[in-house]
PDB file of N, CA and C in Angstrom:
ATOM      1  N   MET A   1     167.455 118.300  47.541  1.00  0.00           N
ATOM      2  CA  MET A   1     166.555 119.565  46.993  1.00  0.00           C
ATOM      3  C   MET A   1     164.649 118.851  47.846  1.00  0.00           C
ATOM      4  N   ARG A   2     164.357 119.861  48.020  1.00  0.00           N
ATOM      5  CA  ARG A   2     163.501 119.559  49.095  1.00  0.00           C
ATOM      6  C   ARG A   2     161.499 119.622  48.396  1.00  0.00           C
ATOM      7  N   TYR A   3     160.645 119.173  48.746  1.00  0.00           N
ATOM      8  CA  TYR A   3     159.761 119.144  47.124  1.00  0.00           C
ATOM      9  C   TYR A   3     158.644 120.278  47.669  1.00  0.00           C
ATOM     10  N   GLU A   4     158.403 120.929  48.447  1.00  0.00           N
ATOM     11  CA  GLU A   4     158.155 121.432  49.062  1.00  0.00           C
ATOM     12  C   GLU A   4     156.293 121.858  48.530  1.00  0.00           C
ATOM     13  N   ARG A   5     156.272 122.005  47.497  1.00  0.00           N
ATOM     14  CA  ARG A   5     155.578 121.997  46.220  1.00  0.00           C
ATOM     15  C   ARG A   5     154.289 120.859  46.134  1.00  0.00           C
ATOM     16  N   ILE A   6     155.542 119.858  45.905  1.00  0.00           N
ATOM     17  CA  ILE A   6     154.624 118.815  45.844  1.00  0.00           C
ATOM     18  C   ILE A   6     153.852 118.082  46.935  1.00  0.00           C
ATOM     19  N   ARG A   7     154.576 118.067  48.206  1.00  0.00           N
ATOM     20  CA  ARG A   7     154.101 118.246  49.653  1.00  0.00           C
ATOM     21  C   ARG A   7     152.817 118.699  49.808  1.00  0.00           C
ATOM     22  N   ASN A   8     152.918 120.660  49.329  1.00  0.00           N
ATOM     23  CA  ASN A   8     151.709 121.126  49.891  1.00  0.00           C
ATOM     24  C   ASN A   8     150.747 120.396  48.687  1.00  0.00           C
ATOM     25  N   LEU A   9     151.356 120.211  47.591  1.00  0.00           N
ATOM     26  CA  LEU A   9     149.722 119.399  46.372  1.00  0.00           C
ATOM     27  C   LEU A   9     149.325 118.777  46.903  1.00  0.00           C
ATOM     28  N   ARG A  10     150.126 118.165  47.463  1.00  0.00           N
ATOM     29  CA  ARG A  10     149.671 116.274  48.230  1.00  0.00           C
ATOM     30  C   ARG A  10     148.384 117.138  48.881  1.00  0.00           C
ATOM     31  N   GLU A  11     148.978 118.084  49.968  1.00  0.00           N
ATOM     32  CA  GLU A  11     147.869 118.002  51.455  1.00  0.00           C
ATOM     33  C   GLU A  11     146.863 118.908  50.918  1.00  0.00           C
ATOM     34  N   ASP A  12     147.271 119.744  50.146  1.00  0.00           N
ATOM     35  CA  ASP A  12     146.159 120.560  49.530  1.00  0.00           C
ATOM     36  C   ASP A  12     144.512 119.667  48.808  1.00  0.00           C
ATOM     37  N   ASN A  13     145.582 118.608  48.138  1.00  0.00           N
ATOM     38  CA  ASN A  13     144.191 117.876  48.262  1.00  0.00           C
ATOM     39  C   ASN A  13     143.029 116.906  48.455  1.00  0.00           C
ATOM     40  N   ASP A  14     143.922 116.830  50.264  1.00  0.00           N
ATOM     41  CA  ASP A  14     143.623 115.819  51.255  1.00  0.00           C
ATOM     42  C   ASP A  14     143.743 114.240  50.495  1.00  0.00           C
ATOM     43  N   LEU A  15     145.927 114.309  50.093  1.00  0.00           N
ATOM     44  CA  LEU A  15     145.789 113.147  49.775  1.00  0.00           C
ATOM     45  C   LEU A  15     147.150 112.035  50.353  1.00  0.00           C
ATOM     46  N   SER A  16     147.284 110.948  50.747  1.00  0.00           N
ATOM     47  CA  SER A  16     148.523 110.524  51.676  1.00  0.00           C
ATOM     48  C   SER A  16     149.811 110.308  50.636  1.00  0.00           C
ATOM     49  N   GLN A  17     150.658 110.322  51.305  1.00  0.00           N
ATOM     50  CA  GLN A  17     151.823 109.433  50.731  1.00  0.00           C
ATOM     51  C   GLN A  17     151.261 108.382  50.253  1.00  0.00           C
ATOM     52  N   GLN A  18     150.638 107.301  50.064  1.00  0.00           N
ATOM     53  CA  GLN A  18     150.510 105.697  49.809  1.00  0.00           C
ATOM     54  C   GLN A  18     149.735 105.905  48.885  1.00  0.00           C
ATOM     55  N   GLN A  19     148.857 107.164  49.118  1.00  0.00           N
ATOM     56  CA  GLN A  19     147.642 107.520  48.125  1.00  0.00           C
ATOM     57  C   GLN A  19     148.845 107.441  45.968  1.00  0.00           C
ATOM     58  N   LEU A  20     149.367 108.748  46.309  1.00  0.00           N
ATOM     59  CA  LEU A  20     150.046 108.886  45.592  1.00  0.00           C
ATOM     60  C   LEU A  20     151.639 107.902  45.541  1.00  0.00           C
ATOM     61  N   ALA A  21     151.906 107.205  46.084  1.00  0.00           N
ATOM     62  CA  ALA A  21     152.891 106.363  45.802  1.00  0.00           C
ATOM     63  C   ALA A  21     152.027 105.081  45.073  1.00  0.00           C
ATOM     64  N   ASP A  22     151.329 104.275  45.470  1.00  0.00           N
ATOM     65  CA  ASP A  22     149.615 103.564  44.496  1.00  0.00           C
ATOM     66  C   ASP A  22     149.976 104.470  42.679  1.00  0.00           C
ATOM     67  N   TYR A  23     149.049 105.452  43.518  1.00  0.00           N
ATOM     68  CA  TYR A  23     149.264 106.441  41.677  1.00  0.00           C
ATOM     69  C   TYR A  23     150.904 105.973  40.947  1.00  0.00           C
ATOM     70  N   LEU A  24     152.084 106.391  41.152  1.00  0.00           N
ATOM     71  CA  LEU A  24     153.557 106.405  40.721  1.00  0.00           C
ATOM     72  C   LEU A  24     153.577 105.431  40.706  1.00  0.00           C
ATOM     73  N   ASN A  25     153.162 103.856  41.490  1.00  0.00           N
ATOM     74  CA  ASN A  25     153.857 102.600  41.049  1.00  0.00           C
ATOM     75  C   ASN A  25     155.084 102.151  42.259  1.00  0.00           C
ATOM     76  N   ILE A  26     155.182 103.261  43.429  1.00  0.00           N
ATOM     77  CA  ILE A  26     156.316 102.914  43.762  1.00  0.00           C
ATOM     78  C   ILE A  26     155.939 102.240  45.442  1.00  0.00           C
ATOM     79  N   SER A  27     156.478 101.959  46.520  1.00  0.00           N
ATOM     80  CA  SER A  27     156.444 102.274  47.590  1.00  0.00           C
ATOM     81  C   SER A  27     156.051 103.309  48.780  1.00  0.00           C
ATOM     82  N   GLN A  28     155.221 103.680  49.440  1.00  0.00           N
ATOM     83  CA  GLN A  28     155.107 104.768  49.859  1.00  0.00           C
ATOM     84  C   GLN A  28     156.532 105.199  50.752  1.00  0.00           C
ATOM     85  N   ARG A  29     157.261 104.657  50.650  1.00  0.00           N
ATOM     86  CA  ARG A  29     158.645 105.165  51.384  1.00  0.00           C
ATOM     87  C   ARG A  29     159.639 105.728  50.510  1.00  0.00           C
ATOM     88  N   THR A  30     158.908 105.283  49.330  1.00  0.00           N
ATOM     89  CA  THR A  30     160.273 105.488  48.177  1.00  0.00           C
ATOM     90  C   THR A  30     159.498 106.693  47.456  1.00  0.00           C
ATOM     91  N   TYR A  31     158.427 106.782  48.008  1.00  0.00           N
ATOM     92  CA  TYR A  31     157.609 108.366  47.555  1.00  0.00           C
ATOM     93  C   TYR A  31     157.923 109.031  48.808  1.00  0.00           C
ATOM     94  N   SER A  32     157.960 109.421  50.277  1.00  0.00           N
ATOM     95  CA  SER A  32     158.507 109.980  51.669  1.00  0.00           C
ATOM     96  C   SER A  32     159.627 110.818  51.131  1.00  0.00           C
ATOM     97  N   TYR A  33     160.818 109.447  50.369  1.00  0.00           N
ATOM     98  CA  TYR A  33     161.862 110.233  50.400  1.00  0.00           C
ATOM     99  C   TYR A  33     162.058 111.253  48.986  1.00  0.00           C
ATOM    100  N   TYR A  34     161.328 110.623  48.077  1.00  0.00           N
ATOM    101  CA  TYR A  34     160.890 112.084  46.554  1.00  0.00           C
ATOM    102  C   TYR A  34     160.793 113.274  47.634  1.00  0.00           C
ATOM    103  N   GLU A  35     159.642 113.197  47.902  1.00  0.00           N
ATOM    104  CA  GLU A  35     159.084 114.585  48.515  1.00  0.00           C
ATOM    105  C   GLU A  35     160.076 114.918  49.845  1.00  0.00           C
ATOM    106  N   SER A  36     160.519 114.256  50.463  1.00  0.00           N
ATOM    107  CA  SER A  36     161.335 115.150  51.904  1.00  0.00           C
ATOM    108  C   SER A  36     163.220 115.105  50.610  1.00  0.00           C
ATOM    109  N   GLY A  37     163.093 114.791  49.538  1.00  0.00           N
ATOM    110  CA  GLY A  37     164.622 115.616  49.556  1.00  0.00           C
ATOM    111  C   GLY A  37     165.512 114.483  48.972  1.00  0.00           C
ATOM    112  N   GLU A  38     165.764 113.333  50.008  1.00  0.00           N
ATOM    113  CA  GLU A  38     166.188 112.669  50.860  1.00  0.00           C
ATOM    114  C   GLU A  38     166.705 111.667  49.231  1.00  0.00           C
ATOM    115  N   HIS A  39     165.924 111.379  48.138  1.00  0.00           N
ATOM    116  CA  HIS A  39     166.638 110.871  47.158  1.00  0.00           C
ATOM    117  C   HIS A  39     165.752 111.410  46.196  1.00  0.00           C
ATOM    118  N   ASN A  40     167.119 112.384  44.886  1.00  0.00           N
ATOM    119  CA  ASN A  40     166.488 112.991  43.535  1.00  0.00           C
ATOM    120  C   ASN A  40     165.387 112.042  42.929  1.00  0.00           C
ATOM    121  N   MET A  41     164.474 112.925  42.488  1.00  0.00           N
ATOM    122  CA  MET A  41     163.166 112.542  41.795  1.00  0.00           C
ATOM    123  C   MET A  41     163.541 112.194  40.563  1.00  0.00           C
ATOM    124  N   PRO A  42     163.210 111.046  39.958  1.00  0.00           N
ATOM    125  CA  PRO A  42     163.716 110.855  38.341  1.00  0.00           C
ATOM    126  C   PRO A  42     162.043 111.449  38.074  1.00  0.00           C
ATOM    127  N   LEU A  43     162.791 112.283  36.430  1.00  0.00           N
ATOM    128  CA  LEU A  43     162.119 113.061  35.364  1.00  0.00           C
ATOM    129  C   LEU A  43     160.781 112.245  35.207  1.00  0.00           C
ATOM    130  N   THR A  44     161.346 110.741  35.274  1.00  0.00           N
ATOM    131  CA  THR A  44     159.727 110.226  34.888  1.00  0.00           C
ATOM    132  C   THR A  44     158.512 110.567  35.990  1.00  0.00           C
ATOM    133  N   ILE A  45     158.754 110.034  37.804  1.00  0.00           N
ATOM    134  CA  ILE A  45     157.713 110.414  38.260  1.00  0.00           C
ATOM    135  C   ILE A  45     157.503 111.838  38.449  1.00  0.00           C
ATOM    136  N   LEU A  46     158.379 113.428  38.550  1.00  0.00           N
ATOM    137  CA  LEU A  46     158.093 114.646  37.993  1.00  0.00           C
ATOM    138  C   LEU A  46     156.860 114.761  36.549  1.00  0.00           C
ATOM    139  N   VAL A  47     157.184 114.123  36.050  1.00  0.00           N
ATOM    140  CA  VAL A  47     156.288 113.925  34.318  1.00  0.00           C
ATOM    141  C   VAL A  47     154.470 113.737  35.546  1.00  0.00           C
ATOM    142  N   GLN A  48     154.467 112.479  35.864  1.00  0.00           N
ATOM    143  CA  GLN A  48     153.639 111.696  36.139  1.00  0.00           C
ATOM    144  C   GLN A  48     152.444 113.033  37.129  1.00  0.00           C
ATOM    145  N   LEU A  49     153.552 113.563  38.067  1.00  0.00           N
ATOM    146  CA  LEU A  49     152.850 114.594  39.359  1.00  0.00           C
ATOM    147  C   LEU A  49     152.253 115.503  38.688  1.00  0.00           C
ATOM    148  N   ALA A  50     153.010 115.795  37.290  1.00  0.00           N
ATOM    149  CA  ALA A  50     152.925 117.249  36.595  1.00  0.00           C
ATOM    150  C   ALA A  50     151.601 116.871  35.929  1.00  0.00           C
ATOM    151  N   ASP A  51     151.355 115.702  35.014  1.00  0.00           N
ATOM    152  CA  ASP A  51     150.005 115.551  34.265  1.00  0.00           C
ATOM    153  C   ASP A  51     148.372 115.008  35.521  1.00  0.00           C
ATOM    154  N   TYR A  52     149.133 114.961  36.637  1.00  0.00           N
ATOM    155  CA  TYR A  52     148.504 114.648  37.618  1.00  0.00           C
ATOM    156  C   TYR A  52     147.543 115.164  38.186  1.00  0.00           C
ATOM    157  N   TYR A  53     148.605 116.484  38.747  1.00  0.00           N
ATOM    158  CA  TYR A  53     148.265 118.119  39.469  1.00  0.00           C
ATOM    159  C   TYR A  53     147.923 118.851  38.452  1.00  0.00           C
ATOM    160  N   HIS A  54     147.793 118.661  36.853  1.00  0.00           N
ATOM    161  CA  HIS A  54     147.415 119.147  35.488  1.00  0.00           C
ATOM    162  C   HIS A  54     148.301 120.979  36.078  1.00  0.00           C
ATOM    163  N   THR A  55     150.071 120.746  36.233  1.00  0.00           N
ATOM    164  CA  THR A  55     150.063 121.423  36.334  1.00  0.00           C
ATOM    165  C   THR A  55     151.786 121.059  35.480  1.00  0.00           C
ATOM    166  N   SER A  56     152.737 122.385  35.579  1.00  0.00           N
ATOM    167  CA  SER A  56     153.636 122.225  34.635  1.00  0.00           C
ATOM    168  C   SER A  56     155.667 122.005  35.643  1.00  0.00           C
ATOM    169  N   ILE A  57     156.474 120.564  35.991  1.00  0.00           N
ATOM    170  CA  ILE A  57     157.387 120.753  35.959  1.00  0.00           C
ATOM    171  C   ILE A  57     158.152 121.841  37.018  1.00  0.00           C
ATOM    172  N   ASP A  58     158.275 122.790  35.722  1.00  0.00           N
ATOM    173  CA  ASP A  58     158.775 124.171  36.283  1.00  0.00           C
ATOM    174  C   ASP A  58     158.146 124.207  37.789  1.00  0.00           C
ATOM    175  N   TYR A  59     156.564 124.559  37.557  1.00  0.00           N
ATOM    176  CA  TYR A  59     155.991 124.514  39.086  1.00  0.00           C
ATOM    177  C   TYR A  59     156.149 123.760  40.015  1.00  0.00           C
ATOM    178  N   LEU A  60     156.304 122.616  39.941  1.00  0.00           N
ATOM    179  CA  LEU A  60     156.317 121.944  41.180  1.00  0.00           C
ATOM    180  C   LEU A  60     158.149 121.772  41.334  1.00  0.00           C
ATOM    181  N   LEU A  61     158.621 122.094  41.268  1.00  0.00           N
ATOM    182  CA  LEU A  61     160.511 122.663  41.056  1.00  0.00           C
ATOM    183  C   LEU A  61     160.589 124.419  41.566  1.00  0.00           C
ATOM    184  N   GLY A  62     159.375 125.113  41.223  1.00  0.00           N
ATOM    185  CA  GLY A  62     159.634 126.257  42.001  1.00  0.00           C
ATOM    186  C   GLY A  62     160.562 126.411  41.432  1.00  0.00           C
ATOM    187  N   ARG A  63     160.608 126.499  40.343  1.00  0.00           N
ATOM    188  CA  ARG A  63     160.998 127.516  38.706  1.00  0.00           C
ATOM    189  C   ARG A  63     160.230 128.882  38.498  1.00  0.00           C
ATOM    190  N   THR A  64     158.750 128.974  38.894  1.00  0.00           N
ATOM    191  CA  THR A  64     157.685 129.568  38.406  1.00  0.00           C
ATOM    192  C   THR A  64     156.719 129.367  39.480  1.00  0.00           C
ATOM    193  N   ASP A  65     156.066 130.547  39.982  1.00  0.00           N
ATOM    194  CA  ASP A  65     155.156 130.552  40.812  1.00  0.00           C
ATOM    195  C   ASP A  65     153.736 130.256  39.501  1.00  0.00           C
ATOM    196  N   ASN A  66     153.611 130.043  38.439  1.00  0.00           N
ATOM    197  CA  ASN A  66     152.469 129.774  37.615  1.00  0.00           C
ATOM    198  C   ASN A  66     152.185 128.372  37.273  1.00  0.00           C
ATOM    199  N   PRO A  67     150.750 128.589  38.017  1.00  0.00           N
ATOM    200  CA  PRO A  67     151.166 126.608  38.353  1.00  0.00           C
ATOM    201  C   PRO A  67     150.197 126.296  36.939  1.00  0.00           C
ATOM    202  N   ALA A  68     149.251 127.209  36.257  1.00  0.00           N
ATOM    203  CA  ALA A  68     149.166 126.416  34.230  1.00  0.00           C
ATOM    204  C   ALA A  68     149.923 125.683  34.105  1.00  0.00           C
ATOM    205  N   PRO A  69     149.662 124.441  33.304  1.00  0.00           N
ATOM    206  CA  PRO A  69     150.182 123.637  31.991  1.00  0.00           C
ATOM    207  C   PRO A  69     150.857 124.334  30.371  1.00  0.00           C
ATOM    208  N   PRO A  70     151.988 123.944  30.891  1.00  0.00           N
ATOM    209  CA  PRO A  70     152.098 125.050  29.149  1.00  0.00           C
ATOM    210  C   PRO A  70     151.018 124.784  28.612  1.00  0.00           C
ATOM    211  N   ALA A  71     151.827 126.027  27.615  1.00  0.00           N
ATOM    212  CA  ALA A  71     149.888 125.872  26.175  1.00  0.00           C
ATOM    213  C   ALA A  71     150.833 124.897  25.361  1.00  0.00           C
ATOM    214  N   PRO A  72     149.619 123.505  24.503  1.00  0.00           N
ATOM    215  CA  PRO A  72     150.193 122.576  23.787  1.00  0.00           C
ATOM    216  C   PRO A  72     151.077 123.251  22.683  1.00  0.00           C
TER     217      PRO A  72
END
């Protein structure tokens, strides 16, 4: 699975892969593998990215076009 929304969000926020890798406490190479879909992204990473971007995991995965986070 390719994570285009995750890449687009990173680029739209003028962030490097290294900056996000540092936030996630992983290597840049690992982040690159996740973003390109070469490795499956663990749920914990998806949750951290959804929190970081204030959106839902469904939005990150392309399951919805609504970027709003779910209501509490």
